Amino acid sequence: IDHLQTETDSSLSFQDKISIVAFFGSQLDSIKGNTFNLDKKILEKYYDFDDFQFVIVLPENAQNQTRQYVEEFKKISESEKWHFAYGAPAEVAAIFSSFQTPYQLDEHSYSPYVFIIDKDGSLRGRTDDEDAKDGKLYGYDSRSVAELNNKMNDDVKVILAEYRLALKKYNEEKQKLTK
């Protein structure tokens, strides 16, 4: 996503970050509840992690709307932690398609599903979800407080635990080498 335009003219990347990625489209007024759910049930818990980011991928025609949207959420959220990336609708669709999920974007480049991308740039989720037909859950419905609070929050915790364990092992190995 480093080729997309941002609010700060800096580039964004999924590499070396745990990213929550949303495709909120160009009709932002209609999805305020989704954003509130996501912010309160997921983002608020992880804002203090340096390697955690919230990326909203939007079509270019949503830029002006986004500024208003963020101003409204500043009252209830740490919206400065949100990162916006803008592209042509075809670019937004290509990024969404690269996740290879069964979900679709609508005509406004919107999907209610949000995704977890790990530090290696890989899509994360579940392969044993009891509610999914084939057991695979790779997008979390931002309209559902229960799904965000239970499934997505648990999956983010698992990823953070994996990285902590990997760091611990790395530090132990490093210590052995210096003895």
C-alpha atoms as a PDB file:
ATOM      1  CA  ILE A   1       0.000   0.000   0.000  1.00  0.00           C
ATOM      2  CA  ASP A   2       3.043   2.255  -0.046  1.00  0.00           C
ATOM      3  CA  HIS A   3       1.994   3.615  -3.454  1.00  0.00           C
ATOM      4  CA  LEU A   4      -1.313   4.999  -2.119  1.00  0.00           C
ATOM      5  CA  GLN A   5      -1.791   8.626  -1.147  1.00  0.00           C
ATOM      6  CA  THR A   6      -2.059   9.426   2.591  1.00  0.00           C
ATOM      7  CA  GLU A   7      -3.140  12.408   4.664  1.00  0.00           C
ATOM      8  CA  THR A   8       0.457  13.069   5.731  1.00  0.00           C
ATOM      9  CA  ASP A   9       2.204  12.295   2.444  1.00  0.00           C
ATOM     10  CA  SER A  10       4.121   9.531   4.198  1.00  0.00           C
ATOM     11  CA  SER A  11       3.915   6.017   2.867  1.00  0.00           C
ATOM     12  CA  LEU A  12       2.130   3.198   4.653  1.00  0.00           C
ATOM     13  CA  SER A  13       3.158  -0.409   4.705  1.00  0.00           C
ATOM     14  CA  PHE A  14       1.914  -3.617   6.272  1.00  0.00           C
ATOM     15  CA  GLN A  15       5.513  -4.783   6.840  1.00  0.00           C
ATOM     16  CA  ASP A  16       6.689  -4.899  10.462  1.00  0.00           C
ATOM     17  CA  LYS A  17       3.281  -3.807  11.782  1.00  0.00           C
ATOM     18  CA  ILE A  18       0.214  -5.622  12.997  1.00  0.00           C
ATOM     19  CA  SER A  19      -2.430  -3.929  10.885  1.00  0.00           C
ATOM     20  CA  ILE A  20      -6.171  -3.797  11.227  1.00  0.00           C
ATOM     21  CA  VAL A  21      -7.346  -2.972   7.708  1.00  0.00           C
ATOM     22  CA  ALA A  22     -10.772  -1.606   6.813  1.00  0.00           C
ATOM     23  CA  PHE A  23     -12.364  -0.715   3.490  1.00  0.00           C
ATOM     24  CA  PHE A  24     -14.960   1.846   4.508  1.00  0.00           C
ATOM     25  CA  GLY A  25     -15.787   3.214   1.059  1.00  0.00           C
ATOM     26  CA  SER A  26     -17.010   6.646   0.067  1.00  0.00           C
ATOM     27  CA  GLN A  27     -20.243   6.721   2.113  1.00  0.00           C
ATOM     28  CA  LEU A  28     -18.658   7.313   5.514  1.00  0.00           C
ATOM     29  CA  ASP A  29     -21.757   8.765   7.161  1.00  0.00           C
ATOM     30  CA  SER A  30     -23.498   5.411   6.843  1.00  0.00           C
ATOM     31  CA  ILE A  31     -20.844   3.423   8.712  1.00  0.00           C
ATOM     32  CA  LYS A  32     -20.231   5.457  11.860  1.00  0.00           C
ATOM     33  CA  GLY A  33     -21.501   2.566  13.977  1.00  0.00           C
ATOM     34  CA  ASN A  34     -18.949   0.207  12.422  1.00  0.00           C
ATOM     35  CA  THR A  35     -16.131   2.602  13.241  1.00  0.00           C
ATOM     36  CA  PHE A  36     -17.357   3.114  16.790  1.00  0.00           C
ATOM     37  CA  ASN A  37     -17.594  -0.670  17.327  1.00  0.00           C
ATOM     38  CA  LEU A  38     -14.129  -1.251  15.940  1.00  0.00           C
ATOM     39  CA  ASP A  39     -12.583   1.585  17.910  1.00  0.00           C
ATOM     40  CA  LYS A  40     -14.118   0.609  21.255  1.00  0.00           C
ATOM     41  CA  LYS A  41     -13.809  -3.170  20.991  1.00  0.00           C
ATOM     42  CA  ILE A  42     -10.416  -3.532  19.275  1.00  0.00           C
ATOM     43  CA  LEU A  43      -8.374  -0.416  18.620  1.00  0.00           C
ATOM     44  CA  GLU A  44      -8.698   1.202  22.028  1.00  0.00           C
ATOM     45  CA  LYS A  45      -7.105  -1.878  23.621  1.00  0.00           C
ATOM     46  CA  TYR A  46      -4.019  -1.766  21.383  1.00  0.00           C
ATOM     47  CA  TYR A  47      -3.335   1.924  20.726  1.00  0.00           C
ATOM     48  CA  ASP A  48      -0.257   1.844  22.971  1.00  0.00           C
ATOM     49  CA  PHE A  49       1.523  -0.854  20.944  1.00  0.00           C
ATOM     50  CA  ASP A  50       4.075   0.810  18.673  1.00  0.00           C
ATOM     51  CA  ASP A  51       3.838  -1.929  16.073  1.00  0.00           C
ATOM     52  CA  PHE A  52       0.036  -1.830  15.839  1.00  0.00           C
ATOM     53  CA  GLN A  53      -1.796   0.288  13.258  1.00  0.00           C
ATOM     54  CA  PHE A  54      -5.311   0.884  11.965  1.00  0.00           C
ATOM     55  CA  VAL A  55      -5.372   1.423   8.194  1.00  0.00           C
ATOM     56  CA  ILE A  56      -8.476   2.542   6.344  1.00  0.00           C
ATOM     57  CA  VAL A  57      -8.224   2.107   2.577  1.00  0.00           C
ATOM     58  CA  LEU A  58     -10.567   4.470   0.749  1.00  0.00           C
ATOM     59  CA  PRO A  59     -11.302   5.638  -2.770  1.00  0.00           C
ATOM     60  CA  GLU A  60      -9.805   9.043  -3.650  1.00  0.00           C
ATOM     61  CA  ASN A  61     -13.223  10.698  -3.786  1.00  0.00           C
ATOM     62  CA  ALA A  62     -13.637  10.139  -0.019  1.00  0.00           C
ATOM     63  CA  GLN A  63     -10.808  12.486   1.033  1.00  0.00           C
ATOM     64  CA  ASN A  64     -12.904  15.533   1.881  1.00  0.00           C
ATOM     65  CA  GLN A  65     -15.485  13.424   3.688  1.00  0.00           C
ATOM     66  CA  THR A  66     -12.728  11.750   5.692  1.00  0.00           C
ATOM     67  CA  ARG A  67     -11.573  15.004   7.276  1.00  0.00           C
ATOM     68  CA  GLN A  68     -15.087  15.672   8.635  1.00  0.00           C
ATOM     69  CA  TYR A  69     -15.433  12.074   9.715  1.00  0.00           C
ATOM     70  CA  VAL A  70     -12.192  12.198  11.706  1.00  0.00           C
ATOM     71  CA  GLU A  71     -13.107  15.503  13.340  1.00  0.00           C
ATOM     72  CA  GLU A  72     -16.323  13.956  14.643  1.00  0.00           C
ATOM     73  CA  PHE A  73     -14.493  10.923  16.039  1.00  0.00           C
ATOM     74  CA  LYS A  74     -11.766  12.975  17.744  1.00  0.00           C
ATOM     75  CA  LYS A  75     -14.275  13.596  20.532  1.00  0.00           C
ATOM     76  CA  ILE A  76     -14.540   9.908  21.394  1.00  0.00           C
ATOM     77  CA  SER A  77     -11.434   8.263  19.937  1.00  0.00           C
ATOM     78  CA  GLU A  78      -7.711   8.584  19.433  1.00  0.00           C
ATOM     79  CA  SER A  79      -8.328   9.095  15.729  1.00  0.00           C
ATOM     80  CA  GLU A  80      -4.785  10.388  15.223  1.00  0.00           C
ATOM     81  CA  LYS A  81      -3.779   6.718  15.405  1.00  0.00           C
ATOM     82  CA  TRP A  82      -5.874   6.001  12.304  1.00  0.00           C
ATOM     83  CA  HIS A  83      -4.059   5.921   8.960  1.00  0.00           C
ATOM     84  CA  PHE A  84      -5.903   6.659   5.739  1.00  0.00           C
ATOM     85  CA  ALA A  85      -4.737   5.461   2.353  1.00  0.00           C
ATOM     86  CA  TYR A  86      -6.427   6.671  -0.841  1.00  0.00           C
ATOM     87  CA  GLY A  87      -6.403   5.156  -4.274  1.00  0.00           C
ATOM     88  CA  ALA A  88      -8.421   4.906  -7.423  1.00  0.00           C
ATOM     89  CA  PRO A  89     -11.366   2.521  -7.002  1.00  0.00           C
ATOM     90  CA  ALA A  90      -9.501  -0.065  -9.100  1.00  0.00           C
ATOM     91  CA  GLU A  91      -6.481   0.165  -6.746  1.00  0.00           C
ATOM     92  CA  VAL A  92      -8.704  -0.223  -3.680  1.00  0.00           C
ATOM     93  CA  ALA A  93     -10.374  -3.238  -5.301  1.00  0.00           C
ATOM     94  CA  ALA A  94      -7.001  -4.775  -6.187  1.00  0.00           C
ATOM     95  CA  ILE A  95      -5.793  -4.514  -2.577  1.00  0.00           C
ATOM     96  CA  PHE A  96      -9.054  -5.979  -1.308  1.00  0.00           C
ATOM     97  CA  SER A  97      -8.872  -8.823  -3.839  1.00  0.00           C
ATOM     98  CA  SER A  98      -5.277  -9.584  -2.863  1.00  0.00           C
ATOM     99  CA  PHE A  99      -6.588 -10.769   0.518  1.00  0.00           C
ATOM    100  CA  GLN A 100      -8.307 -13.637  -1.340  1.00  0.00           C
ATOM    101  CA  THR A 101     -11.397 -13.811   0.853  1.00  0.00           C
ATOM    102  CA  PRO A 102     -14.956 -14.703  -0.165  1.00  0.00           C
ATOM    103  CA  TYR A 103     -16.085 -11.138   0.608  1.00  0.00           C
ATOM    104  CA  GLN A 104     -16.849  -8.414  -1.914  1.00  0.00           C
ATOM    105  CA  LEU A 105     -16.572  -4.635  -2.021  1.00  0.00           C
ATOM    106  CA  ASP A 106     -19.748  -2.775  -2.945  1.00  0.00           C
ATOM    107  CA  GLU A 107     -20.013  -0.053  -5.600  1.00  0.00           C
ATOM    108  CA  HIS A 108     -18.684   2.500  -3.074  1.00  0.00           C
ATOM    109  CA  SER A 109     -15.534   0.441  -2.271  1.00  0.00           C
ATOM    110  CA  TYR A 110     -17.050  -0.580   1.075  1.00  0.00           C
ATOM    111  CA  SER A 111     -16.994  -3.828   2.984  1.00  0.00           C
ATOM    112  CA  PRO A 112     -18.180  -4.287   6.579  1.00  0.00           C
ATOM    113  CA  TYR A 113     -15.349  -6.795   7.050  1.00  0.00           C
ATOM    114  CA  VAL A 114     -12.055  -5.754   8.617  1.00  0.00           C
ATOM    115  CA  PHE A 115      -8.873  -7.764   8.420  1.00  0.00           C
ATOM    116  CA  ILE A 116      -5.774  -8.524  10.454  1.00  0.00           C
ATOM    117  CA  ILE A 117      -2.484  -8.382   8.560  1.00  0.00           C
ATOM    118  CA  ASP A 118       0.565  -9.609  10.479  1.00  0.00           C
ATOM    119  CA  LYS A 119       4.090  -8.161  10.451  1.00  0.00           C
ATOM    120  CA  ASP A 120       5.028 -10.290   7.454  1.00  0.00           C
ATOM    121  CA  GLY A 121       2.154  -8.868   5.422  1.00  0.00           C
ATOM    122  CA  SER A 122       0.070 -12.048   5.690  1.00  0.00           C
ATOM    123  CA  LEU A 123      -3.672 -12.148   6.242  1.00  0.00           C
ATOM    124  CA  ARG A 124      -4.547 -13.744   9.576  1.00  0.00           C
ATOM    125  CA  GLY A 125      -7.746 -15.312  10.805  1.00  0.00           C
ATOM    126  CA  ARG A 126      -9.187 -18.670  11.809  1.00  0.00           C
ATOM    127  CA  THR A 127      -9.402 -22.020  10.096  1.00  0.00           C
ATOM    128  CA  ASP A 128     -11.593 -23.606  12.777  1.00  0.00           C
ATOM    129  CA  ASP A 129     -14.388 -21.075  13.236  1.00  0.00           C
ATOM    130  CA  GLU A 130     -17.560 -22.822  14.370  1.00  0.00           C
ATOM    131  CA  ASP A 131     -19.812 -20.261  12.648  1.00  0.00           C
ATOM    132  CA  ALA A 132     -18.199 -20.366   9.191  1.00  0.00           C
ATOM    133  CA  LYS A 133     -19.344 -22.959   6.649  1.00  0.00           C
ATOM    134  CA  ASP A 134     -15.824 -24.176   5.874  1.00  0.00           C
ATOM    135  CA  GLY A 135     -14.381 -23.153   9.239  1.00  0.00           C
ATOM    136  CA  LYS A 136     -12.413 -20.265   7.695  1.00  0.00           C
ATOM    137  CA  LEU A 137     -12.822 -16.753   9.034  1.00  0.00           C
ATOM    138  CA  TYR A 138     -10.506 -14.112   7.607  1.00  0.00           C
ATOM    139  CA  GLY A 139     -12.638 -11.010   7.905  1.00  0.00           C
ATOM    140  CA  TYR A 140     -14.413  -9.746  10.989  1.00  0.00           C
ATOM    141  CA  ASP A 141     -17.793  -8.066  10.608  1.00  0.00           C
ATOM    142  CA  SER A 142     -17.418  -4.531  11.980  1.00  0.00           C
ATOM    143  CA  ARG A 143     -21.205  -4.322  12.415  1.00  0.00           C
ATOM    144  CA  SER A 144     -21.082  -7.085  15.050  1.00  0.00           C
ATOM    145  CA  VAL A 145     -19.898  -6.072  18.512  1.00  0.00           C
ATOM    146  CA  ALA A 146     -19.872  -9.736  19.549  1.00  0.00           C
ATOM    147  CA  GLU A 147     -17.646 -10.811  16.643  1.00  0.00           C
ATOM    148  CA  LEU A 148     -15.193  -7.971  17.239  1.00  0.00           C
ATOM    149  CA  ASN A 149     -15.138  -8.400  20.997  1.00  0.00           C
ATOM    150  CA  ASN A 150     -14.880 -12.181  21.023  1.00  0.00           C
ATOM    151  CA  LYS A 151     -13.281 -13.473  17.839  1.00  0.00           C
ATOM    152  CA  MET A 152     -11.213 -10.566  16.532  1.00  0.00           C
ATOM    153  CA  ASN A 153      -9.948  -9.513  19.935  1.00  0.00           C
ATOM    154  CA  ASP A 154      -8.902 -13.099  20.711  1.00  0.00           C
ATOM    155  CA  ASP A 155      -7.121 -13.393  17.354  1.00  0.00           C
ATOM    156  CA  VAL A 156      -5.198 -10.145  17.897  1.00  0.00           C
ATOM    157  CA  LYS A 157      -4.149 -11.426  21.334  1.00  0.00           C
ATOM    158  CA  VAL A 158      -2.884 -14.658  19.750  1.00  0.00           C
ATOM    159  CA  ILE A 159      -0.768 -12.736  17.239  1.00  0.00           C
ATOM    160  CA  LEU A 160       0.677 -10.496  19.960  1.00  0.00           C
ATOM    161  CA  ALA A 161       1.494 -13.571  22.069  1.00  0.00           C
ATOM    162  CA  GLU A 162       3.254 -15.178  19.083  1.00  0.00           C
ATOM    163  CA  TYR A 163       5.449 -12.113  18.632  1.00  0.00           C
ATOM    164  CA  ARG A 164       6.234 -11.893  22.342  1.00  0.00           C
ATOM    165  CA  LEU A 165       7.219 -15.572  22.379  1.00  0.00           C
ATOM    166  CA  ALA A 166       9.387 -15.152  19.270  1.00  0.00           C
ATOM    167  CA  LEU A 167      11.100 -12.129  20.851  1.00  0.00           C
ATOM    168  CA  LYS A 168      11.683 -14.041  24.079  1.00  0.00           C
ATOM    169  CA  LYS A 169      13.257 -16.957  22.162  1.00  0.00           C
ATOM    170  CA  TYR A 170      15.411 -14.538  20.155  1.00  0.00           C
ATOM    171  CA  ASN A 171      16.660 -12.855  23.333  1.00  0.00           C
ATOM    172  CA  GLU A 172      17.404 -16.236  24.960  1.00  0.00           C
ATOM    173  CA  GLU A 173      19.381 -17.357  21.906  1.00  0.00           C
ATOM    174  CA  LYS A 174      21.263 -14.073  21.817  1.00  0.00           C
ATOM    175  CA  GLN A 175      22.113 -14.442  25.491  1.00  0.00           C
ATOM    176  CA  LYS A 176      23.432 -17.997  24.923  1.00  0.00           C
ATOM    177  CA  LEU A 177      25.698 -16.757  22.137  1.00  0.00           C
ATOM    178  CA  THR A 178      27.248 -14.063  24.305  1.00  0.00           C
ATOM    179  CA  LYS A 179      28.171 -16.508  27.113  1.00  0.00           C
END
